[in-house]
Protein backbone atom coordinates (compact mmCIF):
# COMPACT_ATOMS: atom_id res chain seq x y z
CA UNK A 1 -23.55 155.19 1.11
CA UNK A 2 -21.25 157.00 2.26
CA UNK A 3 -21.31 160.90 1.22
CA UNK A 4 -17.79 163.41 1.12
CA UNK A 5 -17.71 166.71 1.55
CA UNK A 6 -14.72 169.04 0.93
CA UNK A 7 -14.10 172.05 2.32
CA UNK A 8 -10.91 174.38 2.52
CA UNK A 9 -10.20 175.39 -0.87
CA UNK A 10 -9.32 178.82 -2.73
CA UNK A 11 -7.08 181.52 -4.02
CA UNK A 12 -4.02 182.05 -2.23
CA UNK A 13 -0.09 182.94 -3.18
CA UNK A 14 2.73 181.00 -4.92
CA UNK A 15 4.05 180.17 -1.37
CA UNK A 16 1.27 179.74 0.37
CA UNK A 17 -0.78 176.92 2.56
CA UNK A 18 -3.98 175.75 1.85
CA UNK A 19 -5.99 172.71 4.61
CA UNK A 20 -8.38 170.65 2.87
CA UNK A 21 -10.89 168.87 4.83
CA UNK A 22 -13.38 165.69 3.14
CA UNK A 23 -16.06 164.65 5.43
CA UNK A 24 -17.92 161.51 5.46
CA UNK A 25 -20.75 160.34 5.87
CA UNK A 26 -19.71 157.06 7.35
CA UNK A 27 -16.94 155.47 9.70
CA UNK A 28 -13.69 155.82 8.24
CA UNK A 29 -11.62 153.41 10.04
CA UNK A 30 -13.84 150.39 7.55
CA UNK A 31 -11.81 152.70 4.39
CA UNK A 32 -10.22 150.21 2.56
CA UNK A 33 -8.11 153.35 0.62
CA UNK A 34 -9.02 156.75 1.28
CA UNK A 35 -6.90 159.40 -1.43
CA UNK A 36 -7.22 162.71 -2.16
CA UNK A 37 -7.78 163.44 -7.00
CA UNK A 38 -6.99 167.09 -8.32
CA UNK A 39 -8.56 168.23 -11.96
CA UNK A 40 -7.07 171.46 -13.31
CA UNK A 41 -8.60 172.51 -16.72
CA UNK A 42 -8.06 170.95 -19.66
CA UNK A 43 -6.15 168.11 -18.14
CA UNK A 44 -7.37 164.39 -16.95
CA UNK A 45 -7.98 163.68 -12.63
CA UNK A 46 -4.87 161.97 -10.91
CA UNK A 47 -3.73 161.10 -8.15
CA UNK A 48 -2.34 163.37 -5.57
CA UNK A 49 -2.23 161.75 -2.41
CA UNK A 50 -3.81 158.00 -0.90
CA UNK A 51 -3.89 155.72 2.20
CA UNK A 52 -4.05 152.29 1.14
CA UNK A 53 -3.85 150.33 4.00
CA UNK A 54 -0.84 151.34 6.92
CA UNK A 55 0.95 152.77 3.60
CA UNK A 56 0.79 156.55 2.06
CA UNK A 57 1.57 157.46 -1.05
CA UNK A 58 1.73 160.84 -3.21
CA UNK A 59 2.79 162.00 -6.34
CA UNK A 60 5.99 163.60 -7.50
CA UNK A 61 4.85 166.38 -7.71
CA UNK A 62 3.98 166.82 -4.49
CA UNK A 63 6.47 165.00 -2.38
CA UNK A 64 7.52 167.42 0.88
CA UNK A 65 4.62 169.34 0.18
CA UNK A 66 1.49 168.21 0.63
CA UNK A 67 0.56 165.90 3.77
CA UNK A 68 -2.47 164.21 4.15
CA UNK A 69 -3.88 163.05 7.39
CA UNK A 70 -6.98 161.43 9.24
CA UNK A 71 -8.96 161.50 12.00
CA UNK A 72 -11.17 158.76 12.19
CA UNK A 73 -13.01 159.77 15.50
CA UNK A 74 -13.82 162.39 13.99
CA UNK A 75 -15.12 160.22 10.01
CA UNK A 76 -12.28 163.54 8.30
CA UNK A 77 -9.86 163.24 6.10
CA UNK A 78 -6.55 166.15 6.03
CA UNK A 79 -4.31 167.48 2.91
CA UNK A 80 -2.52 169.91 3.79
CA UNK A 81 -0.77 172.09 1.27
CA UNK A 82 2.31 173.63 1.64
CA UNK A 83 4.70 175.84 -0.12
CA UNK A 84 2.08 175.74 -2.46
CA UNK A 85 2.31 176.53 -7.16
CA UNK A 86 1.15 177.84 -9.77
CA UNK A 87 0.46 174.41 -11.06
CA UNK A 88 -1.13 172.86 -8.46
CA UNK A 89 -4.83 175.05 -9.71
CA UNK A 90 -7.10 172.77 -9.50
CA UNK A 91 -10.16 171.39 -8.15
CA UNK A 92 -9.28 168.96 -5.59
CA UNK A 93 -11.60 165.90 -4.80
CA UNK A 94 -12.20 163.74 -1.64
CA UNK A 95 -11.97 159.40 -2.44
CA UNK A 96 -13.06 156.86 -0.28
CA UNK A 97 -13.13 153.13 -1.05
CA UNK A 98 -14.84 150.40 0.64
CA UNK A 99 -14.91 146.80 0.76
CA UNK A 100 -19.60 146.22 -0.20
CA UNK A 101 -20.38 142.87 2.11
CA UNK A 102 -19.99 140.73 -1.20
CA UNK A 103 -16.75 141.41 -0.86
CA UNK A 104 -17.03 144.07 -4.54
CA UNK A 105 -15.05 147.56 -3.97
CA UNK A 106 -17.07 150.51 -4.81
CA UNK A 107 -16.01 154.25 -4.60
CA UNK A 108 -17.19 157.22 -4.06
CA UNK A 109 -16.30 160.71 -4.57
CA UNK A 110 -16.99 164.02 -2.83
CA UNK A 111 -17.92 167.06 -5.32
CA UNK A 112 -15.16 169.08 -5.04
CA UNK A 113 -13.24 172.06 -3.90
CA UNK A 114 -11.00 174.58 -6.26
CA UNK A 115 -7.91 175.80 -5.33
CA UNK A 116 -6.27 178.30 -6.95
CA UNK A 117 -2.69 179.64 -6.36
CA UNK A 118 -2.50 183.18 -7.91
CA UNK A 119 -0.18 186.32 -7.25
C-alpha cells in the first residue's frame, strides 16, 4: 500500500503561481508512473501531467505553464503551476502506478487539493 498526500492548493489570482506537492509513503523510484490529474465541478477527471518511464507528457491546456518534477530522496512529486487561469480551477489529485509482485499494475490516489483561480 502506498499513501499519497497532496498539499499546496489554495486561492490565487489569475496570472499567479502555485506549487503542489505529493508526498508518498513509499519509494517513488519503483513507481511505473507518477501523475497529476484534476477534476473541475461537473467535469470528468482529466490528466494534467505524467512522468512515465523516462518521458513526461502534459495536457495541451497546461503546456508551457505547468511543470511536473520529483525528488526521489523525499519521495515527493511536485506540480509547479504558473500563469494560472480561471479555467485551471479544480481539485488536483496525485496518482501513482506500481507493478505488484504478480505483475499487475496498481494505481493509488491522493485525497486531492483544491486550486481556485479567481480575482
